[in-house]
Amino acid sequence: MKHDFDARHLNLSAFARAQGSLSGSENLSRFERLLDAVHGLTQVPVRFTARGEVRSDGGQGDQVWLALSVDATVPQVCQRCLSPVEVPLQVERAFRFVASEEQAELEDEESEEDVLVLSRDFNLLELIEDELLMALPVVPKHETCPAPVKLQAQDADFDAAAPAAQKPNPFAILEQLKNKP
């Protein structure tokens, strides 16, 4: 039996029981929150693959799992030279799903894997956007900037005004007062 699954409205239990697989590509422009963090092009493809499975775990019964793989190259601004830089993002994560929000909070603290709430109408694209946002570097930069980086700031007006507005050294004034009869 063939199943057609929709990444925007995914029944996670059915997807896992069918050992479903979803692959696709969405434009970066589809991810509104991610657009706020990038610079420039919005027609960048975000490629993803998701696989569902049910695992039996001893006394807890069947557990729904989702394996997610995402990759994209997003435009950002290099914090060293302030020119555009393409930042490759890759995500490989597995998620375990539980029945309630309370159970997810409790188990997420104690487990190594990420624990989320099981849903009949799960938006996989929102999870992809969350994972890409967390994968963004705090300080995007080139490995080697394309142009030499100017590491000093100069203002010609400030430099010209400095000697004229130079104040006398207070210790020199004290020295003069001390030597005065």
Protein backbone atom coordinates (compact mmCIF):
# COMPACT_ATOMS: atom_id res chain seq x y z
CA MET A 1 0.00 0.00 0.00
CA LYS A 2 1.42 3.35 -1.06
CA HIS A 3 1.12 6.31 1.27
CA ASP A 4 1.34 9.94 0.26
CA PHE A 5 2.52 12.04 3.17
CA ASP A 6 2.40 15.83 3.36
CA ALA A 7 5.26 17.58 5.17
CA ARG A 8 2.89 20.32 6.37
CA HIS A 9 0.26 17.94 7.78
CA LEU A 10 2.01 14.76 8.84
CA ASN A 11 0.27 12.09 10.92
CA LEU A 12 3.36 10.92 12.81
CA SER A 13 1.94 7.59 14.01
CA ALA A 14 0.82 6.57 10.52
CA PHE A 15 4.11 7.80 9.04
CA ALA A 16 6.16 5.76 11.52
CA ARG A 17 4.02 2.60 11.24
CA ALA A 18 4.32 2.71 7.46
CA GLN A 19 8.07 3.31 7.82
CA GLY A 20 7.40 6.33 5.69
CA SER A 21 9.98 8.47 4.00
CA LEU A 22 9.67 12.04 2.79
CA SER A 23 12.21 13.90 0.70
CA GLY A 24 11.87 17.32 -0.72
CA SER A 25 13.18 20.78 -1.31
CA GLU A 26 11.66 24.10 -0.28
CA ASN A 27 12.83 27.61 -1.09
CA LEU A 28 14.37 29.57 1.75
CA SER A 29 11.61 32.15 1.22
CA ARG A 30 9.14 29.60 2.71
CA PHE A 31 10.82 29.89 6.15
CA GLU A 32 9.85 33.33 7.47
CA ARG A 33 11.79 33.21 10.75
CA LEU A 34 14.91 32.00 8.97
CA LEU A 35 14.65 34.85 6.46
CA ASP A 36 15.18 37.33 9.31
CA ALA A 37 18.58 35.77 10.02
CA VAL A 38 19.92 35.59 6.47
CA HIS A 39 21.13 38.16 4.01
CA GLY A 40 20.29 38.34 0.34
CA LEU A 41 18.96 35.54 -1.82
CA THR A 42 15.68 33.87 -0.93
CA GLN A 43 15.53 31.34 -3.78
CA VAL A 44 18.05 29.10 -2.01
CA PRO A 45 16.92 25.46 -1.81
CA VAL A 46 16.51 23.78 1.57
CA ARG A 47 16.72 20.02 1.01
CA PHE A 48 15.35 17.55 3.54
CA THR A 49 14.74 13.86 4.13
CA ALA A 50 12.61 12.43 6.93
CA ARG A 51 12.13 8.78 7.86
CA GLY A 52 9.66 7.42 10.36
CA GLU A 53 9.88 4.22 12.33
CA VAL A 54 8.41 2.48 15.33
CA ARG A 55 10.87 1.06 17.84
CA SER A 56 10.02 -1.33 20.66
CA ASP A 57 11.70 -0.38 23.90
CA GLY A 58 11.48 -3.04 26.58
CA GLY A 59 8.63 -2.22 28.95
CA GLN A 60 7.52 1.08 27.38
CA GLY A 61 5.93 -0.45 24.28
CA ASP A 62 6.16 1.03 20.80
CA GLN A 63 7.78 4.42 20.36
CA VAL A 64 7.47 6.67 17.34
CA TRP A 65 10.78 8.00 15.98
CA LEU A 66 11.60 10.46 13.23
CA ALA A 67 15.05 10.74 11.63
CA LEU A 68 15.61 14.11 9.98
CA SER A 69 18.34 15.19 7.60
CA VAL A 70 18.46 18.77 6.30
CA ASP A 71 21.00 20.74 4.30
CA ALA A 72 21.09 24.23 2.89
CA THR A 73 23.59 26.95 2.13
CA VAL A 74 22.32 30.26 3.44
CA PRO A 75 23.60 33.77 2.67
CA GLN A 76 24.81 35.78 5.65
CA VAL A 77 27.16 38.72 6.32
CA CYS A 78 30.75 37.98 7.36
CA GLN A 79 31.36 39.66 10.71
CA ARG A 80 35.03 40.19 9.87
CA CYS A 81 34.92 41.85 6.44
CA LEU A 82 31.17 42.67 6.25
CA SER A 83 30.80 41.09 2.82
CA PRO A 84 28.37 38.28 1.90
CA VAL A 85 29.33 34.75 2.95
CA GLU A 86 27.61 31.47 2.05
CA VAL A 87 27.16 29.39 5.22
CA PRO A 88 26.52 25.66 4.75
CA LEU A 89 24.07 24.22 7.28
CA GLN A 90 23.61 20.50 7.86
CA VAL A 91 21.32 18.87 10.37
CA GLU A 92 21.18 15.17 11.25
CA ARG A 93 18.81 14.55 14.16
CA ALA A 94 16.53 11.85 15.56
CA PHE A 95 13.40 12.66 17.52
CA ARG A 96 11.33 10.44 19.79
CA PHE A 97 7.65 11.26 20.20
CA VAL A 98 5.50 10.87 23.33
CA ALA A 99 1.79 11.33 24.07
CA SER A 100 1.72 14.61 26.03
CA GLU A 101 3.54 17.89 26.58
CA GLU A 102 4.11 17.05 30.26
CA GLN A 103 5.65 13.70 29.38
CA ALA A 104 7.84 15.34 26.72
CA GLU A 105 9.15 17.93 29.21
CA LEU A 106 9.86 15.28 31.82
CA GLU A 107 11.57 12.82 29.47
CA ASP A 108 13.49 15.45 27.49
CA GLU A 109 15.39 16.42 30.65
CA GLU A 110 16.44 12.82 31.32
CA SER A 111 17.13 11.49 27.82
CA GLU A 112 19.89 12.02 25.30
CA GLU A 113 17.54 12.22 22.32
CA ASP A 114 15.11 15.04 21.63
CA VAL A 115 11.60 14.29 22.81
CA LEU A 116 8.60 15.95 21.15
CA VAL A 117 4.82 15.60 21.40
CA LEU A 118 3.09 13.16 19.06
CA SER A 119 0.63 14.80 16.68
CA ARG A 120 -1.78 13.77 13.95
CA ASP A 121 -1.17 17.09 12.17
CA PHE A 122 2.57 17.68 12.58
CA ASN A 123 4.24 20.41 10.51
CA LEU A 124 7.61 18.96 9.52
CA LEU A 125 8.63 22.22 7.83
CA GLU A 126 8.38 24.10 11.15
CA LEU A 127 10.70 21.52 12.75
CA ILE A 128 13.11 21.94 9.82
CA GLU A 129 13.07 25.72 10.30
CA ASP A 130 13.71 25.35 14.05
CA GLU A 131 16.67 23.06 13.43
CA LEU A 132 18.18 25.38 10.79
CA LEU A 133 17.83 28.38 13.12
CA MET A 134 19.70 26.49 15.83
CA ALA A 135 22.38 25.46 13.31
CA LEU A 136 23.14 29.07 12.29
CA PRO A 137 26.55 30.24 13.48
CA VAL A 138 26.58 32.94 16.15
CA VAL A 139 29.30 34.77 14.23
CA PRO A 140 29.20 34.02 10.50
CA LYS A 141 32.54 34.57 8.77
CA HIS A 142 34.68 33.46 5.87
CA GLU A 143 37.48 31.03 6.60
CA THR A 144 39.65 33.46 4.67
CA CYS A 145 38.08 36.78 3.76
CA PRO A 146 38.19 37.62 0.01
CA ALA A 147 39.72 41.04 0.67
CA PRO A 148 42.20 42.12 3.35
CA VAL A 149 40.42 43.13 6.52
CA LYS A 150 41.09 46.68 7.72
CA LEU A 151 41.59 46.34 11.45
CA GLN A 152 41.76 50.00 12.42
CA ALA A 153 39.30 52.82 12.39
CA GLN A 154 40.37 56.30 11.42
CA ASP A 155 38.47 59.48 11.01
CA ALA A 156 40.42 62.24 9.27
CA ASP A 157 38.42 64.98 11.02
CA PHE A 158 39.07 63.45 14.43
CA ASP A 159 42.80 62.99 13.75
CA ALA A 160 43.15 66.60 12.53
CA ALA A 161 41.33 68.04 15.54
CA ALA A 162 43.24 66.04 18.14
CA PRO A 163 46.51 68.10 18.28
CA ALA A 164 44.69 71.45 18.38
CA ALA A 165 42.44 70.37 21.22
CA GLN A 166 45.20 68.66 23.18
CA LYS A 167 45.03 69.54 26.87
CA PRO A 168 48.15 70.10 28.96
CA ASN A 169 49.28 67.24 31.15
CA PRO A 170 48.00 67.84 34.70
CA PHE A 171 51.20 66.37 36.18
CA ALA A 172 53.29 68.85 34.19
CA ILE A 173 51.21 71.68 35.67
CA LEU A 174 51.72 70.27 39.17
CA GLU A 175 55.48 70.05 38.53
CA GLN A 176 55.51 73.71 37.53
CA LEU A 177 53.61 74.69 40.67
CA LYS A 178 55.96 72.66 42.83
CA ASN A 179 59.05 74.33 41.37
CA LYS A 180 57.58 77.83 41.63
CA PRO A 181 59.07 79.91 44.49
